[in-house]
Amino acid sequence: MATIHTATGPIDTADLGFTLMHEHVRVGWPAMYQQYPELFNREEELERAVTRLTAAREAGVRTIVDLTPIDLGRDATLIAEASRRSGVQIIVATGFYYSIPFHFLMRPDEEMTALMVRDITEGISTTGIRANVIKCATEPELTPINERVLRASARAARETGVPICTHTYPANRTGLDQQRVFKEEGLDLGRTVIGHSDDSDDISYLEQIIENGSYCGMDRIGIQRPRTSEQRADMVAKLVERGYAERITLSHDSCCNFHWAPQELIDRNATTWRLTHIPQDIVPMLRERGVSEEAIRTMTVENPRRIFEGRK
């Protein structure tokens, strides 16, 4: 086993347990927090996160990977407090989203890499909380600045040994673009999770991602567009039937606090977009589709552990 870092300190990978590989405690636009802090109630956000994380723990979830990058409102101290109060282990990310990272636009790429390495090896800002995964994204297509971010991320991953988990736009097959760049940078694709793969209905695309060496992040389960939970469960079952259970991770891409829409709108219209949907609803769906207990454990426990340990 190996020691990795969470928001509340180091743990052994043997203690990861049932792990959701792509979630968020809070997502927002940092400019709003900076300019209008009075519009946000941190204590309410913390309470909401603790409530949802506690429900996940009671449903059997032991660990979540919070893939909120630097430019989507990552708050390491909020994540740490939510983890302590809920009892759910949370792995924190560094990295950048697919929006243009203007701060680095005319700076050398080495500065992006160095900042990610610092987050991982020393801690985020002055918090002392160390990241243990890199998040990067490509949507709707690979652009020159996006390619710079991907390459900087790959270099940081190679230097530190942490995995990369991505956001993709499957309609344009951008996961393959990411894999090409990562491979050119000498990154072991077995340490990468190509995210949002379950947004695709093209099994040949997903098989190509797997055959190239990465994990398929089936990690928008509960978001009913462009595919329903039933359709996503169908695809997972098909991949398992073809022998790919050891290359699949499951998650929701859910947000305990999501500032891009009014909370009441989310609560009313996104009832399956929650941390308990997979353990409570999707696991039974997979069983109904013939997925074995061994395969379910592989996707939810063994694969996350292998990803963080660096084992194939």
C-alpha atoms as a PDB file:
ATOM      1  CA  MET A   1       0.000   0.000   0.000  1.00  0.00           C
ATOM      2  CA  ALA A   2       0.999   3.675  -0.144  1.00  0.00           C
ATOM      3  CA  THR A   3       0.515   6.852   1.839  1.00  0.00           C
ATOM      4  CA  ILE A   4      -1.394   9.672   0.135  1.00  0.00           C
ATOM      5  CA  HIS A   5      -2.610  13.069   1.289  1.00  0.00           C
ATOM      6  CA  THR A   6      -6.172  14.106   2.042  1.00  0.00           C
ATOM      7  CA  ALA A   7      -7.613  17.415   3.192  1.00  0.00           C
ATOM      8  CA  THR A   8      -7.160  16.332   6.811  1.00  0.00           C
ATOM      9  CA  GLY A   9      -3.804  14.590   6.533  1.00  0.00           C
ATOM     10  CA  PRO A  10      -2.088  11.468   5.221  1.00  0.00           C
ATOM     11  CA  ILE A  11      -3.833   8.101   4.955  1.00  0.00           C
ATOM     12  CA  ASP A  12      -2.915   4.651   3.725  1.00  0.00           C
ATOM     13  CA  THR A  13      -4.472   3.747   0.389  1.00  0.00           C
ATOM     14  CA  ALA A  14      -5.773   0.572   2.043  1.00  0.00           C
ATOM     15  CA  ASP A  15      -8.160   2.849   3.955  1.00  0.00           C
ATOM     16  CA  LEU A  16      -9.711   4.551   0.900  1.00  0.00           C
ATOM     17  CA  GLY A  17     -12.704   2.194   0.802  1.00  0.00           C
ATOM     18  CA  PHE A  18     -15.684   2.974  -1.442  1.00  0.00           C
ATOM     19  CA  THR A  19     -14.421   5.984  -3.389  1.00  0.00           C
ATOM     20  CA  LEU A  20     -16.229   8.473  -5.619  1.00  0.00           C
ATOM     21  CA  MET A  21     -13.556   9.743  -7.996  1.00  0.00           C
ATOM     22  CA  HIS A  22     -15.092  12.999  -9.291  1.00  0.00           C
ATOM     23  CA  GLU A  23     -17.111  15.233  -6.943  1.00  0.00           C
ATOM     24  CA  HIS A  24     -17.085  18.806  -5.609  1.00  0.00           C
ATOM     25  CA  VAL A  25     -17.682  20.422  -2.230  1.00  0.00           C
ATOM     26  CA  ARG A  26     -18.107  23.822  -3.889  1.00  0.00           C
ATOM     27  CA  VAL A  27     -17.999  25.134  -7.451  1.00  0.00           C
ATOM     28  CA  GLY A  28     -18.284  28.789  -8.353  1.00  0.00           C
ATOM     29  CA  TRP A  29     -16.649  31.770  -9.994  1.00  0.00           C
ATOM     30  CA  PRO A  30     -13.752  33.067  -7.862  1.00  0.00           C
ATOM     31  CA  ALA A  31     -14.176  36.643  -9.075  1.00  0.00           C
ATOM     32  CA  MET A  32     -17.532  36.809  -7.279  1.00  0.00           C
ATOM     33  CA  TYR A  33     -16.069  35.593  -3.972  1.00  0.00           C
ATOM     34  CA  GLN A  34     -13.280  38.146  -4.233  1.00  0.00           C
ATOM     35  CA  GLN A  35     -15.414  41.140  -5.204  1.00  0.00           C
ATOM     36  CA  TYR A  36     -18.641  40.366  -3.314  1.00  0.00           C
ATOM     37  CA  PRO A  37     -17.867  38.197  -0.275  1.00  0.00           C
ATOM     38  CA  GLU A  38     -21.023  39.456   1.452  1.00  0.00           C
ATOM     39  CA  LEU A  39     -23.141  37.523  -1.066  1.00  0.00           C
ATOM     40  CA  PHE A  40     -21.902  34.175   0.231  1.00  0.00           C
ATOM     41  CA  ASN A  41     -22.639  32.508   3.544  1.00  0.00           C
ATOM     42  CA  ARG A  42     -19.735  30.218   4.273  1.00  0.00           C
ATOM     43  CA  GLU A  43     -21.390  28.603   7.299  1.00  0.00           C
ATOM     44  CA  GLU A  44     -24.473  27.696   5.259  1.00  0.00           C
ATOM     45  CA  GLU A  45     -22.263  26.219   2.563  1.00  0.00           C
ATOM     46  CA  LEU A  46     -20.365  24.220   5.157  1.00  0.00           C
ATOM     47  CA  GLU A  47     -23.582  22.906   6.698  1.00  0.00           C
ATOM     48  CA  ARG A  48     -24.919  21.893   3.291  1.00  0.00           C
ATOM     49  CA  ALA A  49     -21.680  20.085   2.474  1.00  0.00           C
ATOM     50  CA  VAL A  50     -21.591  18.299   5.817  1.00  0.00           C
ATOM     51  CA  THR A  51     -25.213  17.168   5.421  1.00  0.00           C
ATOM     52  CA  ARG A  52     -24.594  15.725   1.968  1.00  0.00           C
ATOM     53  CA  LEU A  53     -21.275  14.159   2.834  1.00  0.00           C
ATOM     54  CA  THR A  54     -22.714  12.596   5.984  1.00  0.00           C
ATOM     55  CA  ALA A  55     -25.518  11.062   3.918  1.00  0.00           C
ATOM     56  CA  ALA A  56     -22.887   9.639   1.572  1.00  0.00           C
ATOM     57  CA  ARG A  57     -20.928   8.153   4.479  1.00  0.00           C
ATOM     58  CA  GLU A  58     -24.093   6.557   5.844  1.00  0.00           C
ATOM     59  CA  ALA A  59     -24.709   5.072   2.380  1.00  0.00           C
ATOM     60  CA  GLY A  60     -21.260   3.446   2.429  1.00  0.00           C
ATOM     61  CA  VAL A  61     -18.993   6.052   0.816  1.00  0.00           C
ATOM     62  CA  ARG A  62     -15.631   6.323   2.572  1.00  0.00           C
ATOM     63  CA  THR A  63     -13.736   8.750   0.319  1.00  0.00           C
ATOM     64  CA  ILE A  64     -14.448  11.374  -2.329  1.00  0.00           C
ATOM     65  CA  VAL A  65     -12.023  13.018  -4.709  1.00  0.00           C
ATOM     66  CA  ASP A  66     -12.837  16.721  -4.917  1.00  0.00           C
ATOM     67  CA  LEU A  67     -11.802  17.714  -8.445  1.00  0.00           C
ATOM     68  CA  THR A  68     -12.364  21.443  -8.079  1.00  0.00           C
ATOM     69  CA  PRO A  69      -9.416  23.150  -9.780  1.00  0.00           C
ATOM     70  CA  ILE A  70      -7.810  26.441  -8.840  1.00  0.00           C
ATOM     71  CA  ASP A  71     -10.047  28.526 -11.112  1.00  0.00           C
ATOM     72  CA  LEU A  72     -13.445  27.036 -10.137  1.00  0.00           C
ATOM     73  CA  GLY A  73     -13.569  28.210  -6.551  1.00  0.00           C
ATOM     74  CA  ARG A  74     -11.446  25.603  -4.793  1.00  0.00           C
ATOM     75  CA  ASP A  75     -11.392  26.278  -1.039  1.00  0.00           C
ATOM     76  CA  ALA A  76      -9.092  23.823   0.707  1.00  0.00           C
ATOM     77  CA  THR A  77     -10.032  24.910   4.224  1.00  0.00           C
ATOM     78  CA  LEU A  78     -13.763  24.553   3.503  1.00  0.00           C
ATOM     79  CA  ILE A  79     -13.101  21.073   2.128  1.00  0.00           C
ATOM     80  CA  ALA A  80     -11.036  20.129   5.187  1.00  0.00           C
ATOM     81  CA  GLU A  81     -13.675  21.293   7.657  1.00  0.00           C
ATOM     82  CA  ALA A  82     -16.419  19.493   5.750  1.00  0.00           C
ATOM     83  CA  SER A  83     -14.313  16.354   5.841  1.00  0.00           C
ATOM     84  CA  ARG A  84     -13.660  16.569   9.587  1.00  0.00           C
ATOM     85  CA  ARG A  85     -17.293  17.194  10.433  1.00  0.00           C
ATOM     86  CA  SER A  86     -18.745  14.534   8.105  1.00  0.00           C
ATOM     87  CA  GLY A  87     -16.206  11.782   8.575  1.00  0.00           C
ATOM     88  CA  VAL A  88     -15.685  11.418   4.811  1.00  0.00           C
ATOM     89  CA  GLN A  89     -12.086  11.436   3.597  1.00  0.00           C
ATOM     90  CA  ILE A  90     -11.583  14.017   0.820  1.00  0.00           C
ATOM     91  CA  ILE A  91      -8.676  14.155  -1.616  1.00  0.00           C
ATOM     92  CA  VAL A  92      -8.038  17.703  -2.867  1.00  0.00           C
ATOM     93  CA  ALA A  93      -7.018  18.654  -6.411  1.00  0.00           C
ATOM     94  CA  THR A  94      -4.765  21.155  -8.044  1.00  0.00           C
ATOM     95  CA  GLY A  95      -4.870  22.160 -11.700  1.00  0.00           C
ATOM     96  CA  PHE A  96      -6.882  24.274 -14.126  1.00  0.00           C
ATOM     97  CA  TYR A  97     -10.240  24.116 -15.910  1.00  0.00           C
ATOM     98  CA  TYR A  98     -10.772  24.555 -19.658  1.00  0.00           C
ATOM     99  CA  SER A  99     -11.274  28.319 -19.393  1.00  0.00           C
ATOM    100  CA  ILE A 100      -8.219  30.377 -20.329  1.00  0.00           C
ATOM    101  CA  PRO A 101      -5.817  30.705 -17.349  1.00  0.00           C
ATOM    102  CA  PHE A 102      -5.156  34.386 -17.980  1.00  0.00           C
ATOM    103  CA  HIS A 103      -2.582  34.716 -15.203  1.00  0.00           C
ATOM    104  CA  PHE A 104      -0.297  32.360 -17.128  1.00  0.00           C
ATOM    105  CA  LEU A 105      -1.125  33.542 -20.626  1.00  0.00           C
ATOM    106  CA  MET A 106       2.221  35.303 -21.193  1.00  0.00           C
ATOM    107  CA  ARG A 107       4.206  33.472 -18.517  1.00  0.00           C
ATOM    108  CA  PRO A 108       6.373  30.409 -19.140  1.00  0.00           C
ATOM    109  CA  ASP A 109       4.556  27.115 -18.771  1.00  0.00           C
ATOM    110  CA  GLU A 110       7.039  26.132 -16.093  1.00  0.00           C
ATOM    111  CA  GLU A 111       5.206  28.487 -13.733  1.00  0.00           C
ATOM    112  CA  MET A 112       1.986  26.514 -14.110  1.00  0.00           C
ATOM    113  CA  THR A 113       3.835  23.291 -13.441  1.00  0.00           C
ATOM    114  CA  ALA A 114       5.666  24.775 -10.466  1.00  0.00           C
ATOM    115  CA  LEU A 115       2.441  25.973  -8.837  1.00  0.00           C
ATOM    116  CA  MET A 116       0.842  22.546  -9.151  1.00  0.00           C
ATOM    117  CA  VAL A 117       3.960  20.874  -7.789  1.00  0.00           C
ATOM    118  CA  ARG A 118       3.960  23.284  -4.840  1.00  0.00           C
ATOM    119  CA  ASP A 119       0.282  22.474  -4.090  1.00  0.00           C
ATOM    120  CA  ILE A 120       1.183  18.788  -4.040  1.00  0.00           C
ATOM    121  CA  THR A 121       4.514  18.799  -2.222  1.00  0.00           C
ATOM    122  CA  GLU A 122       4.170  21.743   0.183  1.00  0.00           C
ATOM    123  CA  GLY A 123       0.509  22.662   0.429  1.00  0.00           C
ATOM    124  CA  ILE A 124      -2.075  24.977  -1.070  1.00  0.00           C
ATOM    125  CA  SER A 125      -1.173  28.616  -0.368  1.00  0.00           C
ATOM    126  CA  THR A 126      -0.583  28.901   3.405  1.00  0.00           C
ATOM    127  CA  THR A 127      -3.075  26.200   4.445  1.00  0.00           C
ATOM    128  CA  GLY A 128      -0.664  23.291   4.699  1.00  0.00           C
ATOM    129  CA  ILE A 129      -3.296  21.166   2.925  1.00  0.00           C
ATOM    130  CA  ARG A 130      -1.652  19.133   0.187  1.00  0.00           C
ATOM    131  CA  ALA A 131      -3.280  18.206  -3.107  1.00  0.00           C
ATOM    132  CA  ASN A 132      -2.938  14.614  -4.268  1.00  0.00           C
ATOM    133  CA  VAL A 133      -4.468  14.710  -7.749  1.00  0.00           C
ATOM    134  CA  ILE A 134      -4.317  17.001 -10.784  1.00  0.00           C
ATOM    135  CA  LYS A 135      -7.452  18.155 -12.609  1.00  0.00           C
ATOM    136  CA  CYS A 136      -7.396  19.421 -16.187  1.00  0.00           C
ATOM    137  CA  ALA A 137     -10.101  19.839 -18.797  1.00  0.00           C
ATOM    138  CA  THR A 138     -10.721  20.074 -22.534  1.00  0.00           C
ATOM    139  CA  GLU A 139     -13.965  21.509 -23.928  1.00  0.00           C
ATOM    140  CA  PRO A 140     -15.267  21.860 -26.577  1.00  0.00           C
ATOM    141  CA  GLU A 141     -11.984  21.111 -28.339  1.00  0.00           C
ATOM    142  CA  LEU A 142      -8.240  21.203 -27.813  1.00  0.00           C
ATOM    143  CA  THR A 143      -6.883  24.739 -28.251  1.00  0.00           C
ATOM    144  CA  PRO A 144      -3.256  25.918 -28.121  1.00  0.00           C
ATOM    145  CA  ILE A 145      -3.631  27.363 -24.599  1.00  0.00           C
ATOM    146  CA  ASN A 146      -5.477  24.242 -23.451  1.00  0.00           C
ATOM    147  CA  GLU A 147      -2.673  22.091 -24.802  1.00  0.00           C
ATOM    148  CA  ARG A 148      -0.213  24.169 -22.758  1.00  0.00           C
ATOM    149  CA  VAL A 149      -2.254  23.430 -19.632  1.00  0.00           C
ATOM    150  CA  LEU A 150      -2.387  19.705 -20.413  1.00  0.00           C
ATOM    151  CA  ARG A 151       1.359  19.546 -20.937  1.00  0.00           C
ATOM    152  CA  ALA A 152       2.065  21.502 -17.747  1.00  0.00           C
ATOM    153  CA  SER A 153      -0.261  19.144 -15.876  1.00  0.00           C
ATOM    154  CA  ALA A 154       1.472  16.071 -17.280  1.00  0.00           C
ATOM    155  CA  ARG A 155       4.860  17.430 -16.238  1.00  0.00           C
ATOM    156  CA  ALA A 156       3.612  18.117 -12.717  1.00  0.00           C
ATOM    157  CA  ALA A 157       2.172  14.606 -12.541  1.00  0.00           C
ATOM    158  CA  ARG A 158       5.445  13.062 -13.674  1.00  0.00           C
ATOM    159  CA  GLU A 159       7.421  15.103 -11.133  1.00  0.00           C
ATOM    160  CA  THR A 160       5.169  14.314  -8.175  1.00  0.00           C
ATOM    161  CA  GLY A 161       3.731  10.896  -9.009  1.00  0.00           C
ATOM    162  CA  VAL A 162       0.086  11.894  -8.456  1.00  0.00           C
ATOM    163  CA  PRO A 163      -2.653  10.880 -10.919  1.00  0.00           C
ATOM    164  CA  ILE A 164      -4.530  13.110 -13.353  1.00  0.00           C
ATOM    165  CA  CYS A 165      -8.333  13.153 -13.618  1.00  0.00           C
ATOM    166  CA  THR A 166      -9.867  15.101 -16.460  1.00  0.00           C
ATOM    167  CA  HIS A 167     -12.989  16.812 -17.745  1.00  0.00           C
ATOM    168  CA  THR A 168     -13.774  16.088 -21.388  1.00  0.00           C
ATOM    169  CA  TYR A 169     -16.310  16.820 -24.085  1.00  0.00           C
ATOM    170  CA  PRO A 170     -17.055  13.328 -25.410  1.00  0.00           C
ATOM    171  CA  ALA A 171     -19.097  14.586 -28.384  1.00  0.00           C
ATOM    172  CA  ASN A 172     -15.778  15.779 -29.825  1.00  0.00           C
ATOM    173  CA  ARG A 173     -13.814  12.802 -28.447  1.00  0.00           C
ATOM    174  CA  THR A 174     -11.493  15.137 -26.575  1.00  0.00           C
ATOM    175  CA  GLY A 175     -10.401  12.344 -24.279  1.00  0.00           C
ATOM    176  CA  LEU A 176      -8.274  11.036 -27.149  1.00  0.00           C
ATOM    177  CA  ASP A 177      -6.674  14.474 -27.567  1.00  0.00           C
ATOM    178  CA  GLN A 178      -5.779  14.437 -23.892  1.00  0.00           C
ATOM    179  CA  GLN A 179      -4.300  10.965 -24.125  1.00  0.00           C
ATOM    180  CA  ARG A 180      -2.165  11.970 -27.106  1.00  0.00           C
ATOM    181  CA  VAL A 181      -0.721  14.972 -25.265  1.00  0.00           C
ATOM    182  CA  PHE A 182      -0.134  13.000 -22.069  1.00  0.00           C
ATOM    183  CA  LYS A 183       1.629  10.242 -23.991  1.00  0.00           C
ATOM    184  CA  GLU A 184       3.815  12.746 -25.804  1.00  0.00           C
ATOM    185  CA  GLU A 185       4.838  14.083 -22.393  1.00  0.00           C
ATOM    186  CA  GLY A 186       5.848  10.607 -21.282  1.00  0.00           C
ATOM    187  CA  LEU A 187       3.040  10.208 -18.769  1.00  0.00           C
ATOM    188  CA  ASP A 188       1.887   6.725 -17.809  1.00  0.00           C
ATOM    189  CA  LEU A 189      -1.703   6.656 -19.073  1.00  0.00           C
ATOM    190  CA  GLY A 190      -2.483   4.133 -16.360  1.00  0.00           C
ATOM    191  CA  ARG A 191      -2.320   7.072 -13.942  1.00  0.00           C
ATOM    192  CA  THR A 192      -5.024   9.011 -15.816  1.00  0.00           C
ATOM    193  CA  VAL A 193      -8.810   8.964 -15.581  1.00  0.00           C
ATOM    194  CA  ILE A 194     -10.538  10.368 -18.674  1.00  0.00           C
ATOM    195  CA  GLY A 195     -13.585  11.991 -17.170  1.00  0.00           C
ATOM    196  CA  HIS A 196     -17.224  12.265 -18.224  1.00  0.00           C
ATOM    197  CA  SER A 197     -16.840   9.248 -20.462  1.00  0.00           C
ATOM    198  CA  ASP A 198     -20.403   8.229 -19.610  1.00  0.00           C
ATOM    199  CA  ASP A 199     -21.706  11.264 -21.502  1.00  0.00           C
ATOM    200  CA  SER A 200     -20.889   9.255 -24.633  1.00  0.00           C
ATOM    201  CA  ASP A 201     -23.074   6.598 -26.221  1.00  0.00           C
ATOM    202  CA  ASP A 202     -20.183   5.495 -28.458  1.00  0.00           C
ATOM    203  CA  ILE A 203     -18.771   2.334 -26.911  1.00  0.00           C
ATOM    204  CA  SER A 204     -15.979   2.204 -29.500  1.00  0.00           C
ATOM    205  CA  TYR A 205     -14.721   5.584 -28.249  1.00  0.00           C
ATOM    206  CA  LEU A 206     -14.710   4.339 -24.652  1.00  0.00           C
ATOM    207  CA  GLU A 207     -12.972   1.122 -25.632  1.00  0.00           C
ATOM    208  CA  GLN A 208     -10.287   3.147 -27.384  1.00  0.00           C
ATOM    209  CA  ILE A 209      -9.697   5.181 -24.222  1.00  0.00           C
ATOM    210  CA  ILE A 210      -9.327   1.974 -22.237  1.00  0.00           C
ATOM    211  CA  GLU A 211      -7.158   0.210 -24.811  1.00  0.00           C
ATOM    212  CA  ASN A 212      -4.849   3.243 -24.834  1.00  0.00           C
ATOM    213  CA  GLY A 213      -4.282   2.618 -21.131  1.00  0.00           C
ATOM    214  CA  SER A 214      -6.437   5.112 -19.214  1.00  0.00           C
ATOM    215  CA  TYR A 215      -9.404   4.607 -16.934  1.00  0.00           C
ATOM    216  CA  CYS A 216     -12.867   5.596 -18.146  1.00  0.00           C
ATOM    217  CA  GLY A 217     -14.370   7.973 -15.625  1.00  0.00           C
ATOM    218  CA  MET A 218     -18.074   7.131 -15.675  1.00  0.00           C
ATOM    219  CA  ASP A 219     -18.573  10.111 -13.473  1.00  0.00           C
ATOM    220  CA  ARG A 220     -21.654  12.076 -14.403  1.00  0.00           C
ATOM    221  CA  ILE A 221     -24.054   9.474 -13.113  1.00  0.00           C
ATOM    222  CA  GLY A 222     -27.174  11.243 -11.867  1.00  0.00           C
ATOM    223  CA  ILE A 223     -27.004  14.057 -14.413  1.00  0.00           C
ATOM    224  CA  GLN A 224     -29.915  13.142 -16.659  1.00  0.00           C
ATOM    225  CA  ARG A 225     -28.620  14.862 -19.795  1.00  0.00           C
ATOM    226  CA  PRO A 226     -27.331  13.930 -22.274  1.00  0.00           C
ATOM    227  CA  ARG A 227     -27.886  10.424 -20.864  1.00  0.00           C
ATOM    228  CA  THR A 228     -30.168   9.134 -18.146  1.00  0.00           C
ATOM    229  CA  SER A 229     -28.974   7.148 -15.146  1.00  0.00           C
ATOM    230  CA  GLU A 230     -30.425   4.032 -16.753  1.00  0.00           C
ATOM    231  CA  GLN A 231     -28.490   4.637 -19.966  1.00  0.00           C
ATOM    232  CA  ARG A 232     -25.303   5.268 -18.012  1.00  0.00           C
ATOM    233  CA  ALA A 233     -25.828   2.049 -16.032  1.00  0.00           C
ATOM    234  CA  ASP A 234     -26.392   0.218 -19.331  1.00  0.00           C
ATOM    235  CA  MET A 235     -23.055   1.450 -20.663  1.00  0.00           C
ATOM    236  CA  VAL A 236     -21.180   0.510 -17.499  1.00  0.00           C
ATOM    237  CA  ALA A 237     -22.702  -2.970 -17.671  1.00  0.00           C
ATOM    238  CA  LYS A 238     -21.701  -3.325 -21.341  1.00  0.00           C
ATOM    239  CA  LEU A 239     -18.116  -2.365 -20.600  1.00  0.00           C
ATOM    240  CA  VAL A 240     -17.974  -4.772 -17.673  1.00  0.00           C
ATOM    241  CA  GLU A 241     -19.377  -7.536 -19.869  1.00  0.00           C
ATOM    242  CA  ARG A 242     -16.538  -6.884 -22.323  1.00  0.00           C
ATOM    243  CA  GLY A 243     -13.987  -7.341 -19.544  1.00  0.00           C
ATOM    244  CA  TYR A 244     -13.201  -3.734 -18.686  1.00  0.00           C
ATOM    245  CA  ALA A 245     -14.217  -3.544 -15.010  1.00  0.00           C
ATOM    246  CA  GLU A 246     -10.591  -2.909 -14.038  1.00  0.00           C
ATOM    247  CA  ARG A 247     -10.576   0.286 -16.153  1.00  0.00           C
ATOM    248  CA  ILE A 248     -13.740   1.985 -14.876  1.00  0.00           C
ATOM    249  CA  THR A 249     -14.383   4.410 -12.028  1.00  0.00           C
ATOM    250  CA  LEU A 250     -17.793   5.659 -10.913  1.00  0.00           C
ATOM    251  CA  SER A 251     -18.903   9.073  -9.684  1.00  0.00           C
ATOM    252  CA  HIS A 252     -21.507  11.832 -10.045  1.00  0.00           C
ATOM    253  CA  ASP A 253     -19.652  15.143 -10.663  1.00  0.00           C
ATOM    254  CA  SER A 254     -22.059  16.454  -8.018  1.00  0.00           C
ATOM    255  CA  CYS A 255     -21.615  19.712  -6.122  1.00  0.00           C
ATOM    256  CA  CYS A 256     -22.592  20.200  -2.499  1.00  0.00           C
ATOM    257  CA  ASN A 257     -22.609  23.920  -3.327  1.00  0.00           C
ATOM    258  CA  PHE A 258     -23.065  25.005  -6.947  1.00  0.00           C
ATOM    259  CA  HIS A 259     -23.108  28.733  -7.569  1.00  0.00           C
ATOM    260  CA  TRP A 260     -23.895  28.634 -11.267  1.00  0.00           C
ATOM    261  CA  ALA A 261     -27.615  28.313 -10.548  1.00  0.00           C
ATOM    262  CA  PRO A 262     -29.996  29.131  -7.672  1.00  0.00           C
ATOM    263  CA  GLN A 263     -29.874  26.414  -5.026  1.00  0.00           C
ATOM    264  CA  GLU A 264     -33.653  25.991  -4.997  1.00  0.00           C
ATOM    265  CA  LEU A 265     -33.601  25.346  -8.765  1.00  0.00           C
ATOM    266  CA  ILE A 266     -31.002  22.614  -8.319  1.00  0.00           C
ATOM    267  CA  ASP A 267     -32.845  21.034  -5.399  1.00  0.00           C
ATOM    268  CA  ARG A 268     -36.082  20.953  -7.399  1.00  0.00           C
ATOM    269  CA  ASN A 269     -34.776  19.757 -10.755  1.00  0.00           C
ATOM    270  CA  ALA A 270     -31.658  17.706 -10.029  1.00  0.00           C
ATOM    271  CA  THR A 271     -32.883  15.176  -7.491  1.00  0.00           C
ATOM    272  CA  THR A 272     -30.458  12.433  -8.579  1.00  0.00           C
ATOM    273  CA  TRP A 273     -27.429  14.749  -8.624  1.00  0.00           C
ATOM    274  CA  ARG A 274     -26.267  13.711  -5.166  1.00  0.00           C
ATOM    275  CA  LEU A 275     -23.498  11.769  -3.495  1.00  0.00           C
ATOM    276  CA  THR A 276     -25.813   8.901  -2.546  1.00  0.00           C
ATOM    277  CA  HIS A 277     -27.170   8.108  -6.023  1.00  0.00           C
ATOM    278  CA  ILE A 278     -24.526   5.529  -6.914  1.00  0.00           C
ATOM    279  CA  PRO A 279     -24.515   3.509  -3.666  1.00  0.00           C
ATOM    280  CA  GLN A 280     -28.284   3.673  -3.213  1.00  0.00           C
ATOM    281  CA  ASP A 281     -29.616   3.522  -6.791  1.00  0.00           C
ATOM    282  CA  ILE A 282     -26.950   2.702  -9.365  1.00  0.00           C
ATOM    283  CA  VAL A 283     -25.354  -0.249  -7.608  1.00  0.00           C
ATOM    284  CA  PRO A 284     -28.748  -2.048  -7.528  1.00  0.00           C
ATOM    285  CA  MET A 285     -29.232  -1.145 -11.225  1.00  0.00           C
ATOM    286  CA  LEU A 286     -25.872  -2.711 -12.040  1.00  0.00           C
ATOM    287  CA  ARG A 287     -26.774  -5.857 -10.146  1.00  0.00           C
ATOM    288  CA  GLU A 288     -30.007  -6.066 -12.130  1.00  0.00           C
ATOM    289  CA  ARG A 289     -27.922  -5.869 -15.307  1.00  0.00           C
ATOM    290  CA  GLY A 290     -25.791  -8.812 -14.256  1.00  0.00           C
ATOM    291  CA  VAL A 291     -22.764  -6.933 -12.902  1.00  0.00           C
ATOM    292  CA  SER A 292     -21.142  -9.015 -10.180  1.00  0.00           C
ATOM    293  CA  GLU A 293     -20.304  -7.910  -6.653  1.00  0.00           C
ATOM    294  CA  GLU A 294     -16.651  -8.433  -7.513  1.00  0.00           C
ATOM    295  CA  ALA A 295     -16.887  -6.051 -10.482  1.00  0.00           C
ATOM    296  CA  ILE A 296     -18.738  -3.450  -8.399  1.00  0.00           C
ATOM    297  CA  ARG A 297     -16.027  -3.590  -5.752  1.00  0.00           C
ATOM    298  CA  THR A 298     -13.362  -3.366  -8.444  1.00  0.00           C
ATOM    299  CA  MET A 299     -14.855  -0.136  -9.826  1.00  0.00           C
ATOM    300  CA  THR A 300     -15.578   1.513  -6.479  1.00  0.00           C
ATOM    301  CA  VAL A 301     -12.760   0.315  -4.216  1.00  0.00           C
ATOM    302  CA  GLU A 302      -9.923  -1.441  -6.021  1.00  0.00           C
ATOM    303  CA  ASN A 303      -9.536   0.849  -9.036  1.00  0.00           C
ATOM    304  CA  PRO A 304      -9.318   4.086  -7.007  1.00  0.00           C
ATOM    305  CA  ARG A 305      -6.723   2.449  -4.779  1.00  0.00           C
ATOM    306  CA  ARG A 306      -4.681   1.311  -7.793  1.00  0.00           C
ATOM    307  CA  ILE A 307      -4.884   4.778  -9.339  1.00  0.00           C
ATOM    308  CA  PHE A 308      -3.506   6.468  -6.239  1.00  0.00           C
ATOM    309  CA  GLU A 309      -0.919   3.764  -5.604  1.00  0.00           C
ATOM    310  CA  GLY A 310       0.328   3.878  -9.177  1.00  0.00           C
ATOM    311  CA  ARG A 311      -0.330   0.174  -9.763  1.00  0.00           C
ATOM    312  CA  LYS A 312      -1.775  -1.231 -12.981  1.00  0.00           C
END
